[in-house]
Structures are given as structure tokens and as C-alpha cells.
C-alpha atoms as a PDB file:
ATOM      1  CA  UNK A   1      75.026  15.273 -14.100  1.00  0.00           C
ATOM      2  CA  UNK A   2      72.160  13.293 -15.284  1.00  0.00           C
ATOM      3  CA  UNK A   3      71.585  11.830 -11.732  1.00  0.00           C
ATOM      4  CA  UNK A   4      71.332  15.410 -10.192  1.00  0.00           C
ATOM      5  CA  UNK A   5      68.690  16.492 -12.676  1.00  0.00           C
ATOM      6  CA  UNK A   6      66.693  13.102 -12.025  1.00  0.00           C
ATOM      7  CA  UNK A   7      66.749  13.682  -8.489  1.00  0.00           C
ATOM      8  CA  UNK A   8      65.631  17.252  -8.866  1.00  0.00           C
ATOM      9  CA  UNK A   9      62.822  16.264 -11.396  1.00  0.00           C
ATOM     10  CA  UNK A  10      61.784  13.714  -8.499  1.00  0.00           C
ATOM     11  CA  UNK A  11      61.686  16.286  -5.768  1.00  0.00           C
ATOM     12  CA  UNK A  12      59.614  18.464  -7.901  1.00  0.00           C
ATOM     13  CA  UNK A  13      57.057  15.778  -8.522  1.00  0.00           C
ATOM     14  CA  UNK A  14      56.876  14.992  -4.791  1.00  0.00           C
ATOM     15  CA  UNK A  15      56.345  18.620  -3.872  1.00  0.00           C
ATOM     16  CA  UNK A  16      53.633  18.983  -6.512  1.00  0.00           C
ATOM     17  CA  UNK A  17      52.047  15.820  -5.314  1.00  0.00           C
ATOM     18  CA  UNK A  18      52.161  16.810  -1.691  1.00  0.00           C
ATOM     19  CA  UNK A  19      50.521  20.239  -2.624  1.00  0.00           C
ATOM     20  CA  UNK A  20      47.704  18.667  -4.773  1.00  0.00           C
ATOM     21  CA  UNK A  21      47.049  16.231  -2.095  1.00  0.00           C
ATOM     22  CA  UNK A  22      46.951  18.876   0.587  1.00  0.00           C
ATOM     23  CA  UNK A  23      44.595  20.866  -1.756  1.00  0.00           C
ATOM     24  CA  UNK A  24      42.167  17.878  -2.178  1.00  0.00           C
ATOM     25  CA  UNK A  25      42.060  17.231   1.320  1.00  0.00           C
ATOM     26  CA  UNK A  26      41.270  20.639   2.295  1.00  0.00           C
ATOM     27  CA  UNK A  27      38.449  20.748  -0.315  1.00  0.00           C
ATOM     28  CA  UNK A  28      37.196  17.428   0.711  1.00  0.00           C
ATOM     29  CA  UNK A  29      36.989  18.568   4.386  1.00  0.00           C
ATOM     30  CA  UNK A  30      35.223  21.747   3.410  1.00  0.00           C
ATOM     31  CA  UNK A  31      31.465  21.374   4.017  1.00  0.00           C
ATOM     32  CA  UNK A  32      30.404  23.568   1.458  1.00  0.00           C
ATOM     33  CA  UNK A  33      32.525  22.066  -1.181  1.00  0.00           C
ATOM     34  CA  UNK A  34      31.339  18.444  -0.104  1.00  0.00           C
ATOM     35  CA  UNK A  35      27.685  19.915  -0.427  1.00  0.00           C
ATOM     36  CA  UNK A  36      27.969  21.041  -3.870  1.00  0.00           C
ATOM     37  CA  UNK A  37      29.837  17.734  -4.602  1.00  0.00           C
ATOM     38  CA  UNK A  38      26.963  15.960  -3.368  1.00  0.00           C
ATOM     39  CA  UNK A  39      24.343  17.953  -5.497  1.00  0.00           C
ATOM     40  CA  UNK A  40      26.664  17.267  -8.430  1.00  0.00           C
ATOM     41  CA  UNK A  41      26.376  13.515  -8.018  1.00  0.00           C
ATOM     42  CA  UNK A  42      22.646  13.981  -7.557  1.00  0.00           C
ATOM     43  CA  UNK A  43      22.087  15.885 -10.478  1.00  0.00           C
ATOM     44  CA  UNK A  44      24.097  12.990 -12.524  1.00  0.00           C
ATOM     45  CA  UNK A  45      21.894  10.314 -10.990  1.00  0.00           C
ATOM     46  CA  UNK A  46      24.686   8.963  -8.923  1.00  0.00           C
ATOM     47  CA  UNK A  47      22.362   8.529  -5.873  1.00  0.00           C
ATOM     48  CA  UNK A  48      24.727   5.912  -4.234  1.00  0.00           C
ATOM     49  CA  UNK A  49      27.422   8.465  -4.181  1.00  0.00           C
ATOM     50  CA  UNK A  50      25.507  11.388  -3.303  1.00  0.00           C
ATOM     51  CA  UNK A  51      23.490   9.642  -0.379  1.00  0.00           C
ATOM     52  CA  UNK A  52      26.516   9.242   2.109  1.00  0.00           C
ATOM     53  CA  UNK A  53      27.570  12.773   1.668  1.00  0.00           C
ATOM     54  CA  UNK A  54      24.028  14.356   2.248  1.00  0.00           C
ATOM     55  CA  UNK A  55      23.769  11.995   5.239  1.00  0.00           C
ATOM     56  CA  UNK A  56      27.157  13.340   6.641  1.00  0.00           C
ATOM     57  CA  UNK A  57      26.317  16.745   6.016  1.00  0.00           C
ATOM     58  CA  UNK A  58      23.092  16.722   8.005  1.00  0.00           C
ATOM     59  CA  UNK A  59      25.220  16.882  11.147  1.00  0.00           C
ATOM     60  CA  UNK A  60      27.249  19.805  10.223  1.00  0.00           C
ATOM     61  CA  UNK A  61      24.326  21.946   8.699  1.00  0.00           C
ATOM     62  CA  UNK A  62      21.660  21.180  11.192  1.00  0.00           C
ATOM     63  CA  UNK A  63      19.731  24.440  12.149  1.00  0.00           C
ATOM     64  CA  UNK A  64      21.430  26.331   9.238  1.00  0.00           C
ATOM     65  CA  UNK A  65      19.570  27.322   6.116  1.00  0.00           C
ATOM     66  CA  UNK A  66      21.412  24.759   4.057  1.00  0.00           C
ATOM     67  CA  UNK A  67      19.819  21.924   6.036  1.00  0.00           C
ATOM     68  CA  UNK A  68      16.353  22.186   4.141  1.00  0.00           C
ATOM     69  CA  UNK A  69      18.016  21.405   0.849  1.00  0.00           C
ATOM     70  CA  UNK A  70      20.109  18.692   2.235  1.00  0.00           C
ATOM     71  CA  UNK A  71      17.123  17.118   3.853  1.00  0.00           C
ATOM     72  CA  UNK A  72      15.168  17.206   0.599  1.00  0.00           C
ATOM     73  CA  UNK A  73      17.888  15.574  -1.501  1.00  0.00           C
ATOM     74  CA  UNK A  74      18.598  13.080   1.197  1.00  0.00           C
ATOM     75  CA  UNK A  75      14.885  11.831   0.839  1.00  0.00           C
ATOM     76  CA  UNK A  76      15.064  11.541  -2.734  1.00  0.00           C
ATOM     77  CA  UNK A  77      18.117   9.771  -2.590  1.00  0.00           C
ATOM     78  CA  UNK A  78      16.803   7.219  -0.509  1.00  0.00           C
ATOM     79  CA  UNK A  79      13.616   6.990  -2.776  1.00  0.00           C
ATOM     80  CA  UNK A  80      15.854   6.339  -5.743  1.00  0.00           C
ATOM     81  CA  UNK A  81      17.764   3.736  -3.954  1.00  0.00           C
ATOM     82  CA  UNK A  82      14.836   1.831  -3.185  1.00  0.00           C
ATOM     83  CA  UNK A  83      15.006   2.500   0.438  1.00  0.00           C
ATOM     84  CA  UNK A  84      11.424   3.582   0.651  1.00  0.00           C
ATOM     85  CA  UNK A  85      10.796   3.252   4.418  1.00  0.00           C
ATOM     86  CA  UNK A  86      13.643   5.522   5.186  1.00  0.00           C
ATOM     87  CA  UNK A  87      12.526   7.808   2.478  1.00  0.00           C
ATOM     88  CA  UNK A  88       9.198   8.049   3.846  1.00  0.00           C
ATOM     89  CA  UNK A  89      10.496   9.147   7.160  1.00  0.00           C
ATOM     90  CA  UNK A  90      12.896  11.746   5.465  1.00  0.00           C
ATOM     91  CA  UNK A  91      10.033  13.127   3.289  1.00  0.00           C
ATOM     92  CA  UNK A  92       7.601  13.497   6.227  1.00  0.00           C
ATOM     93  CA  UNK A  93      10.373  15.011   8.275  1.00  0.00           C
ATOM     94  CA  UNK A  94      10.559  17.619   5.539  1.00  0.00           C
ATOM     95  CA  UNK A  95       7.094  18.426   5.362  1.00  0.00           C
ATOM     96  CA  UNK A  96       6.779  18.767   9.087  1.00  0.00           C
ATOM     97  CA  UNK A  97      10.023  20.921   9.695  1.00  0.00           C
ATOM     98  CA  UNK A  98       9.537  23.164   6.612  1.00  0.00           C
ATOM     99  CA  UNK A  99       5.597  23.331   6.182  1.00  0.00           C
ATOM    100  CA  UNK A 100       5.768  26.630   4.604  1.00  0.00           C
ATOM    101  CA  UNK A 101       8.315  25.953   1.939  1.00  0.00           C
ATOM    102  CA  UNK A 102       7.231  25.285  -1.616  1.00  0.00           C
ATOM    103  CA  UNK A 103       8.363  21.698  -1.590  1.00  0.00           C
ATOM    104  CA  UNK A 104       6.579  20.668   1.590  1.00  0.00           C
ATOM    105  CA  UNK A 105       3.524  19.514  -0.642  1.00  0.00           C
ATOM    106  CA  UNK A 106       5.713  17.474  -2.686  1.00  0.00           C
ATOM    107  CA  UNK A 107       7.512  15.867   0.122  1.00  0.00           C
ATOM    108  CA  UNK A 108       3.922  15.016   1.846  1.00  0.00           C
ATOM    109  CA  UNK A 109       2.900  13.337  -1.462  1.00  0.00           C
ATOM    110  CA  UNK A 110       6.190  11.445  -1.573  1.00  0.00           C
ATOM    111  CA  UNK A 111       5.493  10.138   1.833  1.00  0.00           C
ATOM    112  CA  UNK A 112       2.597   8.827   0.924  1.00  0.00           C
ATOM    113  CA  UNK A 113       4.115   7.508  -2.468  1.00  0.00           C
ATOM    114  CA  UNK A 114       6.889   5.676  -0.542  1.00  0.00           C
ATOM    115  CA  UNK A 115       4.352   3.540   1.236  1.00  0.00           C
ATOM    116  CA  UNK A 116       2.478   2.882  -1.869  1.00  0.00           C
ATOM    117  CA  UNK A 117       5.795   1.463  -3.353  1.00  0.00           C
ATOM    118  CA  UNK A 118       6.222  -1.027  -0.386  1.00  0.00           C
ATOM    119  CA  UNK A 119       2.206  -1.922  -0.146  1.00  0.00           C
ATOM    120  CA  UNK A 120       2.216  -5.743  -0.521  1.00  0.00           C
ATOM    121  CA  UNK A 121       0.455  -8.012  -2.897  1.00  0.00           C
ATOM    122  CA  UNK A 122      -3.240  -8.836  -1.832  1.00  0.00           C
ATOM    123  CA  UNK A 123      -2.386 -12.097   0.014  1.00  0.00           C
ATOM    124  CA  UNK A 124       0.143 -10.724   2.346  1.00  0.00           C
ATOM    125  CA  UNK A 125      -0.307  -8.461   5.410  1.00  0.00           C
ATOM    126  CA  UNK A 126      -1.847  -5.269   4.550  1.00  0.00           C
ATOM    127  CA  UNK A 127      -0.399  -2.858   7.223  1.00  0.00           C
ATOM    128  CA  UNK A 128       1.689  -0.723   4.966  1.00  0.00           C
ATOM    129  CA  UNK A 129      -1.413  -0.332   2.538  1.00  0.00           C
ATOM    130  CA  UNK A 130      -3.292   1.101   5.513  1.00  0.00           C
ATOM    131  CA  UNK A 131      -0.359   3.294   6.314  1.00  0.00           C
ATOM    132  CA  UNK A 132      -0.340   4.530   2.701  1.00  0.00           C
ATOM    133  CA  UNK A 133      -4.136   5.083   2.742  1.00  0.00           C
ATOM    134  CA  UNK A 134      -3.661   7.205   6.017  1.00  0.00           C
ATOM    135  CA  UNK A 135      -0.715   9.063   4.486  1.00  0.00           C
ATOM    136  CA  UNK A 136      -2.975   9.907   1.430  1.00  0.00           C
ATOM    137  CA  UNK A 137      -5.743  11.270   3.437  1.00  0.00           C
ATOM    138  CA  UNK A 138      -3.493  13.247   5.505  1.00  0.00           C
ATOM    139  CA  UNK A 139      -2.005  14.590   2.186  1.00  0.00           C
ATOM    140  CA  UNK A 140      -5.534  15.258   0.788  1.00  0.00           C
ATOM    141  CA  UNK A 141      -6.671  17.214   3.731  1.00  0.00           C
ATOM    142  CA  UNK A 142      -3.661  19.381   3.919  1.00  0.00           C
ATOM    143  CA  UNK A 143      -3.647  20.266  -0.072  1.00  0.00           C
ATOM    144  CA  UNK A 144      -7.102  19.690  -1.293  1.00  0.00           C
ATOM    145  CA  UNK A 145      -6.290  21.708  -4.517  1.00  0.00           C
ATOM    146  CA  UNK A 146      -2.765  19.959  -5.226  1.00  0.00           C
ATOM    147  CA  UNK A 147      -1.573  19.113  -8.562  1.00  0.00           C
ATOM    148  CA  UNK A 148      -0.667  15.630  -6.921  1.00  0.00           C
ATOM    149  CA  UNK A 149      -4.253  14.974  -5.939  1.00  0.00           C
ATOM    150  CA  UNK A 150      -4.964  13.005  -9.221  1.00  0.00           C
ATOM    151  CA  UNK A 151      -2.101  10.757  -8.590  1.00  0.00           C
ATOM    152  CA  UNK A 152      -3.060  10.333  -5.069  1.00  0.00           C
ATOM    153  CA  UNK A 153      -6.561   9.473  -5.876  1.00  0.00           C
ATOM    154  CA  UNK A 154      -5.205   6.722  -8.393  1.00  0.00           C
ATOM    155  CA  UNK A 155      -3.091   5.312  -5.527  1.00  0.00           C
ATOM    156  CA  UNK A 156      -5.913   5.268  -3.116  1.00  0.00           C
ATOM    157  CA  UNK A 157      -8.360   3.452  -5.647  1.00  0.00           C
ATOM    158  CA  UNK A 158      -5.741   0.936  -6.350  1.00  0.00           C
ATOM    159  CA  UNK A 159      -5.155   0.404  -2.737  1.00  0.00           C
ATOM    160  CA  UNK A 160      -8.793   0.193  -1.972  1.00  0.00           C
ATOM    161  CA  UNK A 161      -9.082  -2.530  -4.794  1.00  0.00           C
ATOM    162  CA  UNK A 162      -6.427  -4.517  -3.177  1.00  0.00           C
ATOM    163  CA  UNK A 163      -8.322  -4.602   0.165  1.00  0.00           C
ATOM    164  CA  UNK A 164     -11.453  -5.699  -1.449  1.00  0.00           C
ATOM    165  CA  UNK A 165      -9.681  -8.397  -3.319  1.00  0.00           C
ATOM    166  CA  UNK A 166      -8.202  -9.648  -0.119  1.00  0.00           C
ATOM    167  CA  UNK A 167     -11.505  -9.565   1.722  1.00  0.00           C
ATOM    168  CA  UNK A 168     -13.067 -11.653  -1.062  1.00  0.00           C
ATOM    169  CA  UNK A 169     -10.062 -13.982  -1.202  1.00  0.00           C
ATOM    170  CA  UNK A 170     -10.493 -14.851   2.539  1.00  0.00           C
ATOM    171  CA  UNK A 171     -14.299 -15.098   2.404  1.00  0.00           C
ATOM    172  CA  UNK A 172     -14.015 -17.492  -0.459  1.00  0.00           C
ATOM    173  CA  UNK A 173     -11.216 -19.500   1.352  1.00  0.00           C
ATOM    174  CA  UNK A 174     -13.763 -20.091   4.084  1.00  0.00           C
ATOM    175  CA  UNK A 175     -16.279 -21.366   1.473  1.00  0.00           C
ATOM    176  CA  UNK A 176     -13.525 -23.579  -0.276  1.00  0.00           C
ATOM    177  CA  UNK A 177     -13.143 -25.179   3.294  1.00  0.00           C
ATOM    178  CA  UNK A 178     -16.722 -25.854   3.643  1.00  0.00           C
ATOM    179  CA  UNK A 179     -17.005 -23.396   6.589  1.00  0.00           C
ATOM    180  CA  UNK A 180     -20.324 -22.143   5.157  1.00  0.00           C
ATOM    181  CA  UNK A 181     -21.460 -20.027   8.019  1.00  0.00           C
ATOM    182  CA  UNK A 182     -18.002 -18.302   8.555  1.00  0.00           C
ATOM    183  CA  UNK A 183     -17.965 -17.903   4.780  1.00  0.00           C
ATOM    184  CA  UNK A 184     -21.305 -16.105   4.822  1.00  0.00           C
ATOM    185  CA  UNK A 185     -20.498 -14.024   7.391  1.00  0.00           C
ATOM    186  CA  UNK A 186     -17.145 -12.889   5.806  1.00  0.00           C
ATOM    187  CA  UNK A 187     -19.017 -11.962   2.659  1.00  0.00           C
ATOM    188  CA  UNK A 188     -21.537  -9.914   4.499  1.00  0.00           C
ATOM    189  CA  UNK A 189     -18.531  -7.901   6.406  1.00  0.00           C
ATOM    190  CA  UNK A 190     -16.910  -7.400   2.979  1.00  0.00           C
ATOM    191  CA  UNK A 191     -20.147  -5.989   1.592  1.00  0.00           C
ATOM    192  CA  UNK A 192     -20.492  -3.949   4.916  1.00  0.00           C
ATOM    193  CA  UNK A 193     -16.870  -2.613   4.330  1.00  0.00           C
ATOM    194  CA  UNK A 194     -16.988  -2.267   0.451  1.00  0.00           C
ATOM    195  CA  UNK A 195     -20.691  -1.912  -0.657  1.00  0.00           C
ATOM    196  CA  UNK A 196     -19.611  -0.908  -4.105  1.00  0.00           C
ATOM    197  CA  UNK A 197     -16.926  -3.528  -4.709  1.00  0.00           C
ATOM    198  CA  UNK A 198     -17.046  -5.129  -8.276  1.00  0.00           C
ATOM    199  CA  UNK A 199     -17.749  -8.530  -6.612  1.00  0.00           C
ATOM    200  CA  UNK A 200     -20.805  -7.325  -4.636  1.00  0.00           C
ATOM    201  CA  UNK A 201     -23.127  -9.536  -7.000  1.00  0.00           C
ATOM    202  CA  UNK A 202     -20.931 -12.563  -6.603  1.00  0.00           C
ATOM    203  CA  UNK A 203     -20.865 -11.972  -2.802  1.00  0.00           C
ATOM    204  CA  UNK A 204     -24.426 -11.787  -2.445  1.00  0.00           C
ATOM    205  CA  UNK A 205     -24.698 -15.050  -4.622  1.00  0.00           C
ATOM    206  CA  UNK A 206     -22.316 -16.899  -2.561  1.00  0.00           C
ATOM    207  CA  UNK A 207     -23.810 -15.742   0.777  1.00  0.00           C
ATOM    208  CA  UNK A 208     -27.210 -17.363  -0.662  1.00  0.00           C
ATOM    209  CA  UNK A 209     -25.170 -20.409  -1.536  1.00  0.00           C
ATOM    210  CA  UNK A 210     -23.440 -20.823   1.739  1.00  0.00           C
ATOM    211  CA  UNK A 211     -26.420 -20.724   3.697  1.00  0.00           C
ATOM    212  CA  UNK A 212     -28.103 -23.245   1.384  1.00  0.00           C
ATOM    213  CA  UNK A 213     -25.096 -25.408   1.981  1.00  0.00           C
ATOM    214  CA  UNK A 214     -24.907 -24.485   5.642  1.00  0.00           C
ATOM    215  CA  UNK A 215     -28.641 -25.560   6.163  1.00  0.00           C
ATOM    216  CA  UNK A 216     -28.188 -28.692   3.972  1.00  0.00           C
ATOM    217  CA  UNK A 217     -25.426 -29.750   6.235  1.00  0.00           C
ATOM    218  CA  UNK A 218     -27.056 -28.901   9.594  1.00  0.00           C
ATOM    219  CA  UNK A 219     -28.832 -31.294  11.943  1.00  0.00           C
ATOM    220  CA  UNK A 220     -32.568 -31.756  11.147  1.00  0.00           C
ATOM    221  CA  UNK A 221     -33.871 -29.531  14.305  1.00  0.00           C
ATOM    222  CA  UNK A 222     -31.637 -26.436  12.734  1.00  0.00           C
ATOM    223  CA  UNK A 223     -32.737 -26.809   8.980  1.00  0.00           C
ATOM    224  CA  UNK A 224     -36.000 -25.379   8.987  1.00  0.00           C
ATOM    225  CA  UNK A 225     -34.935 -21.914  10.183  1.00  0.00           C
ATOM    226  CA  UNK A 226     -31.855 -21.807   7.922  1.00  0.00           C
ATOM    227  CA  UNK A 227     -33.585 -22.960   4.860  1.00  0.00           C
ATOM    228  CA  UNK A 228     -36.125 -20.000   5.443  1.00  0.00           C
ATOM    229  CA  UNK A 229     -32.937 -17.741   5.583  1.00  0.00           C
ATOM    230  CA  UNK A 230     -32.034 -19.205   2.007  1.00  0.00           C
ATOM    231  CA  UNK A 231     -35.530 -18.251   0.726  1.00  0.00           C
ATOM    232  CA  UNK A 232     -35.355 -14.617   2.400  1.00  0.00           C
ATOM    233  CA  UNK A 233     -31.837 -14.104   0.704  1.00  0.00           C
ATOM    234  CA  UNK A 234     -33.213 -15.457  -2.662  1.00  0.00           C
ATOM    235  CA  UNK A 235     -35.975 -13.028  -2.575  1.00  0.00           C
ATOM    236  CA  UNK A 236     -33.418 -10.058  -1.753  1.00  0.00           C
ATOM    237  CA  UNK A 237     -31.117 -11.280  -4.472  1.00  0.00           C
ATOM    238  CA  UNK A 238     -33.481 -11.377  -7.187  1.00  0.00           C
ATOM    239  CA  UNK A 239     -35.030  -8.112  -6.428  1.00  0.00           C
ATOM    240  CA  UNK A 240     -31.406  -6.515  -6.383  1.00  0.00           C
ATOM    241  CA  UNK A 241     -30.115  -8.450  -9.461  1.00  0.00           C
ATOM    242  CA  UNK A 242     -33.278  -9.399 -11.777  1.00  0.00           C
ATOM    243  CA  UNK A 243     -30.769 -10.253 -14.807  1.00  0.00           C
ATOM    244  CA  UNK A 244     -27.973 -11.721 -12.666  1.00  0.00           C
ATOM    245  CA  UNK A 245     -25.540 -14.324 -14.475  1.00  0.00           C
ATOM    246  CA  UNK A 246     -26.002 -16.267 -11.235  1.00  0.00           C
ATOM    247  CA  UNK A 247     -29.966 -16.145 -11.471  1.00  0.00           C
ATOM    248  CA  UNK A 248     -30.445 -19.931 -12.778  1.00  0.00           C
ATOM    249  CA  UNK A 249     -28.180 -21.307 -10.072  1.00  0.00           C
ATOM    250  CA  UNK A 250     -30.025 -19.133  -7.355  1.00  0.00           C
ATOM    251  CA  UNK A 251     -33.352 -20.176  -8.699  1.00  0.00           C
ATOM    252  CA  UNK A 252     -32.343 -23.648  -8.281  1.00  0.00           C
ATOM    253  CA  UNK A 253     -31.041 -23.006  -4.604  1.00  0.00           C
ATOM    254  CA  UNK A 254     -34.370 -21.453  -3.954  1.00  0.00           C
ATOM    255  CA  UNK A 255     -36.425 -24.284  -5.350  1.00  0.00           C
ATOM    256  CA  UNK A 256     -34.092 -26.909  -3.393  1.00  0.00           C
ATOM    257  CA  UNK A 257     -34.940 -25.008  -0.198  1.00  0.00           C
ATOM    258  CA  UNK A 258     -38.429 -24.858  -0.772  1.00  0.00           C
ATOM    259  CA  UNK A 259     -38.449 -28.723  -1.508  1.00  0.00           C
ATOM    260  CA  UNK A 260     -36.470 -29.234   2.055  1.00  0.00           C
ATOM    261  CA  UNK A 261     -39.014 -27.038   3.705  1.00  0.00           C
ATOM    262  CA  UNK A 262     -41.968 -29.131   2.411  1.00  0.00           C
ATOM    263  CA  UNK A 263     -40.420 -32.348   3.482  1.00  0.00           C
ATOM    264  CA  UNK A 264     -39.638 -30.893   6.908  1.00  0.00           C
ATOM    265  CA  UNK A 265     -43.123 -29.697   7.430  1.00  0.00           C
ATOM    266  CA  UNK A 266     -44.388 -33.324   6.353  1.00  0.00           C
ATOM    267  CA  UNK A 267     -42.031 -35.078   8.741  1.00  0.00           C
ATOM    268  CA  UNK A 268     -42.935 -32.762  11.547  1.00  0.00           C
ATOM    269  CA  UNK A 269     -46.875 -33.209  10.451  1.00  0.00           C
ATOM    270  CA  UNK A 270     -46.327 -37.053  10.555  1.00  0.00           C
ATOM    271  CA  UNK A 271     -44.497 -37.104  13.926  1.00  0.00           C
ATOM    272  CA  UNK A 272     -47.435 -34.970  15.511  1.00  0.00           C
END
């Protein structure tokens, strides 16, 4: 008797389990149910769980109203899982596909923000920095009154500062390698590209010093014109920065250049 009762209970459990499994399978295969589950994961900040669901559902809901919401959440999932390049693609895709939606502005800003997240330190290649600056400019052009514009400007200022630092670092590297003509040219290029850089005064002093060292290490036949360039650079430097912290050293370079010019003139007079 007990054996029969036990067998009956086992059968009931198996039937119930089968029904439950069937219900779960049906629920899991229902795209709407999976979409709701993905949103629940997203709201709970379980982005690694939400991401594959949104990714999978894109194929089912493509061309349907739900697609807008899926694409938005998918982009944010990639952002929160530090997949910034993929996130940038989806944010830009959203802004392009749904330009009239309220969230298009946010997504175009986030497209730029993703590139900002991967913009490398100053000493590395700055391709992503330029990509980010271009994305910020596109965003600002499309939304000149945006609530995100202040943050975009902060990012832009930081990126410009990185490029200024890199330009200065590269020019100073030539200087440290005793390639004085190349250093002077690199510092001049930096001032042309970034005339308001905080290193502008130091750059102009190093141009002066580079030309002095370039002249001092030149063959005698080239020294006169190069020391004359030093005197011209000094005059421009003192006019622009009369109270410069580099004033004393700049004055010494100038006096040394004058002495060298005097020697060259005397040698030329003796030879003639």
C-alpha cells in the first residue's frame, strides 16, 4: 500500500515538473517575455545578463516599434560593460536611425563620450582623440543648446590639452636629442596649431635657445645668418614677454650671440 502511494506521489511530481518546465520553456521562447526579462536585468544593473538578450532580440524586433527601445538599452549595456567602441557604434546607430526621438540627443552625446573613454594617454597614438573631437563637434552642431553641451566642452578642452602636451613632448624630444633645427620647427608648429597653449612662453624661449645651439654647432660659413636669427627671436621674445621667467637666460643667449657675431665679423675683416 505504501509503495503504491509513493509511486503515485512520484508520478504527480513528474507531471508537475514537466508542466513547469513546459511553461518556462514557453515563457522563455516568447520574445515579449524575454524583452521584459532583459529590461529587468538592465534596471537591476545586471548588464552582462541583459546584453545577450537585447542582442538576440534585435533580430526578432527589427523594423518594429520595440526596436528603438532595444537599441537604446543595448548601447547602454555595452557602455556599462566597458565595450566602448561597440557602444559608440550603437549610440550613433540609434541617433541616425531615430533622429526625431527624444533620446537621440543623449545618444549622439554618448557616441562622443565613448570615444572619450578610450582616448589614450598623451604619449600614445591619438587617433581616438581626433575621433572624439570630431564626434563632439558633430554633436555641438546638431544640438547647440543641449543640456549635455557643458560636459561636451569639458571633454573637448581636456582633449585639446592632451594634444598640446603631446606636441610639446614631441618637440622637446627633438631638443633633448640635440636636433635643434627640428626642435625649433616642431615648437613653431605647435604654436601655429595651439597659439593659446599654456606652454606658449616656454615654447618661444626654447625656439630661441634651439636656434642659438643650432648656430653654435653649425659650420662657420652658416653661423652668421643663424646667430642673426637668434637676435631677431630674442627681440620678439622680450617684446612679447618683458617679465618672462626665462628673461635672464634669454638675455644671456642674446649677448652670447652678439659676441659670436662680433668674432665672425672680425675674422671676416682679417681675412679680407
